[in-house]
């Protein structure tokens, strides 16, 4: 989904929005995007709603975990400083990537 230019609407039109992220006003998100750029060469990330088909967008950490558990296509869930993974292997890979960035 990273390189996907947009998402289809209910009438199948593709739409998307570009947002500029400032290092000064949002340093944590800016750093995340910069780390992604360093690893992939792409200076952008896709930000989308978290919900399953037919369900409302999650509004709480509890909703997010419930959706994560039922969505096999999601490998990793980050809630503030908590990282939730499906397996020890996923967690080890995440730690390795995080260590390599520093």
Protein backbone atom coordinates (compact mmCIF):
# COMPACT_ATOMS: atom_id res chain seq x y z
CA UNK A 1 0.00 0.00 0.00
CA UNK A 2 2.99 2.31 0.38
CA UNK A 3 3.33 3.13 -3.31
CA UNK A 4 -0.41 3.23 -4.00
CA UNK A 5 -1.35 6.69 -5.33
CA UNK A 6 -4.78 6.82 -3.70
CA UNK A 7 -7.75 4.79 -2.57
CA UNK A 8 -10.92 4.12 -4.50
CA UNK A 9 -14.07 5.87 -3.30
CA UNK A 10 -17.43 4.11 -3.37
CA UNK A 11 -17.86 5.30 -6.98
CA UNK A 12 -14.37 3.97 -7.85
CA UNK A 13 -12.71 7.37 -8.25
CA UNK A 14 -9.19 7.60 -6.80
CA UNK A 15 -8.51 10.37 -4.32
CA UNK A 16 -5.71 11.41 -2.03
CA UNK A 17 -4.31 14.41 -0.25
CA UNK A 18 -0.75 15.57 0.27
CA UNK A 19 0.14 17.11 3.62
CA UNK A 20 3.37 18.88 4.45
CA UNK A 21 4.87 17.85 7.79
CA UNK A 22 7.07 20.38 9.56
CA UNK A 23 10.01 19.25 11.68
CA UNK A 24 9.35 22.25 13.94
CA UNK A 25 5.64 21.71 14.59
CA UNK A 26 5.51 17.88 14.50
CA UNK A 27 9.01 16.50 15.19
CA UNK A 28 7.93 12.94 16.05
CA UNK A 29 5.93 12.39 12.86
CA UNK A 30 8.60 14.17 10.80
CA UNK A 31 11.23 11.78 12.21
CA UNK A 32 9.07 8.76 11.36
CA UNK A 33 8.77 9.95 7.75
CA UNK A 34 12.49 10.70 7.59
CA UNK A 35 13.37 7.21 8.88
CA UNK A 36 11.06 5.73 6.24
CA UNK A 37 12.80 7.86 3.58
CA UNK A 38 16.23 6.64 4.72
CA UNK A 39 15.18 3.01 4.46
CA UNK A 40 13.12 3.13 1.27
CA UNK A 41 14.17 6.22 -0.65
CA UNK A 42 10.52 7.39 -0.57
CA UNK A 43 10.05 10.65 1.39
CA UNK A 44 6.37 10.04 2.13
CA UNK A 45 4.09 7.68 4.02
CA UNK A 46 0.46 6.68 3.48
CA UNK A 47 -1.84 7.70 6.29
CA UNK A 48 -5.24 6.04 6.26
CA UNK A 49 -8.14 5.34 8.58
CA UNK A 50 -8.05 2.19 10.68
CA UNK A 51 -11.22 0.16 10.25
CA UNK A 52 -12.41 -3.04 8.66
CA UNK A 53 -14.95 -3.10 5.83
CA UNK A 54 -18.39 -2.19 7.09
CA UNK A 55 -17.13 -0.96 10.46
CA UNK A 56 -16.66 2.57 11.78
CA UNK A 57 -13.19 4.07 12.15
CA UNK A 58 -11.55 3.12 15.45
CA UNK A 59 -11.90 5.70 18.22
CA UNK A 60 -9.93 4.14 21.07
CA UNK A 61 -6.93 1.95 21.81
CA UNK A 62 -9.33 -0.87 22.62
CA UNK A 63 -10.99 -0.48 19.17
CA UNK A 64 -7.55 -0.46 17.52
CA UNK A 65 -6.44 -3.69 19.23
CA UNK A 66 -9.76 -5.37 18.37
CA UNK A 67 -9.33 -4.40 14.71
CA UNK A 68 -5.67 -5.51 14.70
CA UNK A 69 -6.58 -8.95 16.07
CA UNK A 70 -9.19 -9.44 13.33
CA UNK A 71 -7.12 -8.03 10.43
CA UNK A 72 -4.44 -10.51 9.34
CA UNK A 73 -3.07 -8.01 6.81
CA UNK A 74 -1.84 -5.69 9.55
CA UNK A 75 1.59 -6.77 10.80
CA UNK A 76 2.19 -4.15 13.46
CA UNK A 77 0.16 -1.75 15.60
CA UNK A 78 1.74 1.24 17.35
CA UNK A 79 -0.19 2.93 20.16
CA UNK A 80 1.84 5.83 21.54
CA UNK A 81 4.95 4.10 22.93
CA UNK A 82 3.49 0.57 22.76
CA UNK A 83 4.29 -1.70 19.80
CA UNK A 84 1.94 -4.65 19.27
CA UNK A 85 3.09 -7.43 16.93
CA UNK A 86 1.67 -10.77 15.90
CA UNK A 87 4.77 -12.81 16.75
CA UNK A 88 8.20 -12.75 18.35
CA UNK A 89 9.68 -12.72 14.83
CA UNK A 90 7.78 -9.54 13.97
CA UNK A 91 8.93 -7.95 17.22
CA UNK A 92 12.57 -8.95 16.62
CA UNK A 93 12.42 -7.54 13.07
CA UNK A 94 10.95 -4.27 14.40
CA UNK A 95 13.68 -3.96 17.04
CA UNK A 96 16.38 -4.69 14.43
CA UNK A 97 15.01 -1.99 12.12
CA UNK A 98 14.77 0.46 14.98
CA UNK A 99 18.34 -0.25 16.09
CA UNK A 100 19.68 0.06 12.54
CA UNK A 101 18.16 3.54 12.26
CA UNK A 102 20.17 4.89 15.18
